[in-house]
Amino acid sequence: MKYSVCFKDAFGATERSEFTPFTDDAAATAYAQTNLSRNAIIEVWHGDALISRLFRDPTPSVTASWENEGGAITSPPLTRH
């Protein structure tokens, strides 16, 4: 079955589309998920039916700790006189 996979930017504007055969909805959605690192939004269409709309997670996967990493200079604690 032919599916349309639509790759969009963060504002929803279409960057490119592919008209590709897949065995079923799950296979088309799995293909779209592999491209989420490159596109903000991906839609999978079968005919006029929207099968899935996927969004890239905007939060970073790495958390940073600023607790004197890399030899950063820390200021001494404030004292009151």
C-alpha atoms as a PDB file:
ATOM      1  CA  MET A   1       0.000   0.000   0.000  1.00  0.00           C
ATOM      2  CA  LYS A   2       1.255   3.482  -0.810  1.00  0.00           C
ATOM      3  CA  TYR A   3       1.685   5.977   2.019  1.00  0.00           C
ATOM      4  CA  SER A   4       2.610   9.638   1.971  1.00  0.00           C
ATOM      5  CA  VAL A   5       5.181  10.637   4.590  1.00  0.00           C
ATOM      6  CA  CYS A   6       5.304  14.402   5.039  1.00  0.00           C
ATOM      7  CA  PHE A   7       8.346  15.966   6.729  1.00  0.00           C
ATOM      8  CA  LYS A   8       7.679  19.378   8.304  1.00  0.00           C
ATOM      9  CA  ASP A   9       9.647  22.041  10.138  1.00  0.00           C
ATOM     10  CA  ALA A  10       8.812  23.337  13.632  1.00  0.00           C
ATOM     11  CA  PHE A  11       6.305  25.811  12.169  1.00  0.00           C
ATOM     12  CA  GLY A  12       4.406  23.091  10.272  1.00  0.00           C
ATOM     13  CA  ALA A  13       5.663  24.035   6.806  1.00  0.00           C
ATOM     14  CA  THR A  14       6.331  21.052   4.569  1.00  0.00           C
ATOM     15  CA  GLU A  15      10.020  20.558   3.827  1.00  0.00           C
ATOM     16  CA  ARG A  16       9.589  17.433   1.682  1.00  0.00           C
ATOM     17  CA  SER A  17       7.296  14.475   1.123  1.00  0.00           C
ATOM     18  CA  GLU A  18       7.774  10.849   0.133  1.00  0.00           C
ATOM     19  CA  PHE A  19       5.221   8.591  -1.533  1.00  0.00           C
ATOM     20  CA  THR A  20       6.383   5.150  -0.420  1.00  0.00           C
ATOM     21  CA  PRO A  21       4.924   1.635  -0.179  1.00  0.00           C
ATOM     22  CA  PHE A  22       4.639  -0.006   3.255  1.00  0.00           C
ATOM     23  CA  THR A  23       3.000  -3.249   4.334  1.00  0.00           C
ATOM     24  CA  ASP A  24       0.777  -1.570   6.950  1.00  0.00           C
ATOM     25  CA  ASP A  25       0.238   1.513   9.144  1.00  0.00           C
ATOM     26  CA  ALA A  26       2.697   0.309  11.789  1.00  0.00           C
ATOM     27  CA  ALA A  27       5.520  -0.068   9.258  1.00  0.00           C
ATOM     28  CA  ALA A  28       4.901   3.430   7.875  1.00  0.00           C
ATOM     29  CA  THR A  29       4.847   4.936  11.379  1.00  0.00           C
ATOM     30  CA  ALA A  30       8.043   3.084  12.346  1.00  0.00           C
ATOM     31  CA  TYR A  31       9.764   4.536   9.274  1.00  0.00           C
ATOM     32  CA  ALA A  32       8.619   8.036  10.270  1.00  0.00           C
ATOM     33  CA  GLN A  33       9.966   7.569  13.813  1.00  0.00           C
ATOM     34  CA  THR A  34      13.449   6.852  12.459  1.00  0.00           C
ATOM     35  CA  ASN A  35      13.470  10.333  10.875  1.00  0.00           C
ATOM     36  CA  LEU A  36      12.378  12.346  13.920  1.00  0.00           C
ATOM     37  CA  SER A  37      15.937  13.378  14.739  1.00  0.00           C
ATOM     38  CA  ARG A  38      16.015  15.376  11.469  1.00  0.00           C
ATOM     39  CA  ASN A  39      12.483  16.795  11.324  1.00  0.00           C
ATOM     40  CA  ALA A  40      10.316  18.538  13.914  1.00  0.00           C
ATOM     41  CA  ILE A  41       7.008  17.071  12.700  1.00  0.00           C
ATOM     42  CA  ILE A  42       6.305  14.037  10.539  1.00  0.00           C
ATOM     43  CA  GLU A  43       2.873  13.061   9.265  1.00  0.00           C
ATOM     44  CA  VAL A  44       1.968   9.675   7.807  1.00  0.00           C
ATOM     45  CA  TRP A  45      -0.985   9.644   5.407  1.00  0.00           C
ATOM     46  CA  HIS A  46      -2.766   6.756   3.716  1.00  0.00           C
ATOM     47  CA  GLY A  47      -4.986   8.258   1.057  1.00  0.00           C
ATOM     48  CA  ASP A  48      -6.976  11.048   2.735  1.00  0.00           C
ATOM     49  CA  ALA A  49      -6.592   9.557   6.224  1.00  0.00           C
ATOM     50  CA  LEU A  50      -3.993  10.870   8.658  1.00  0.00           C
ATOM     51  CA  ILE A  51      -2.455   7.752  10.227  1.00  0.00           C
ATOM     52  CA  SER A  52      -0.065   9.471  12.656  1.00  0.00           C
ATOM     53  CA  ARG A  53       1.510  12.819  13.442  1.00  0.00           C
ATOM     54  CA  LEU A  54       4.832  12.579  15.252  1.00  0.00           C
ATOM     55  CA  PHE A  55       6.628  15.400  17.075  1.00  0.00           C
ATOM     56  CA  ARG A  56      10.305  15.568  17.933  1.00  0.00           C
ATOM     57  CA  ASP A  57      10.887  15.986  21.673  1.00  0.00           C
ATOM     58  CA  PRO A  58      12.126  19.570  22.124  1.00  0.00           C
ATOM     59  CA  THR A  59      13.806  18.838  25.458  1.00  0.00           C
ATOM     60  CA  PRO A  60      17.469  17.859  25.401  1.00  0.00           C
ATOM     61  CA  SER A  61      18.306  14.302  26.350  1.00  0.00           C
ATOM     62  CA  VAL A  62      21.435  15.328  28.255  1.00  0.00           C
ATOM     63  CA  THR A  63      21.216  17.208  31.512  1.00  0.00           C
ATOM     64  CA  ALA A  64      24.041  19.415  32.635  1.00  0.00           C
ATOM     65  CA  SER A  65      25.324  19.902  36.132  1.00  0.00           C
ATOM     66  CA  TRP A  66      27.040  23.204  36.766  1.00  0.00           C
ATOM     67  CA  GLU A  67      28.593  22.132  40.054  1.00  0.00           C
ATOM     68  CA  ASN A  68      32.186  23.238  39.427  1.00  0.00           C
ATOM     69  CA  GLU A  69      32.640  21.091  36.322  1.00  0.00           C
ATOM     70  CA  GLY A  70      35.739  21.616  34.249  1.00  0.00           C
ATOM     71  CA  GLY A  71      37.560  23.637  36.875  1.00  0.00           C
ATOM     72  CA  ALA A  72      35.099  26.501  36.838  1.00  0.00           C
ATOM     73  CA  ILE A  73      35.901  29.255  39.290  1.00  0.00           C
ATOM     74  CA  THR A  74      33.505  29.482  42.188  1.00  0.00           C
ATOM     75  CA  SER A  75      33.180  32.531  44.346  1.00  0.00           C
ATOM     76  CA  PRO A  76      33.582  32.269  48.113  1.00  0.00           C
ATOM     77  CA  PRO A  77      30.422  32.330  50.222  1.00  0.00           C
ATOM     78  CA  LEU A  78      29.150  35.763  51.174  1.00  0.00           C
ATOM     79  CA  THR A  79      29.661  36.831  54.771  1.00  0.00           C
ATOM     80  CA  ARG A  80      27.787  39.531  56.631  1.00  0.00           C
ATOM     81  CA  HIS A  81      29.642  41.993  58.797  1.00  0.00           C
END
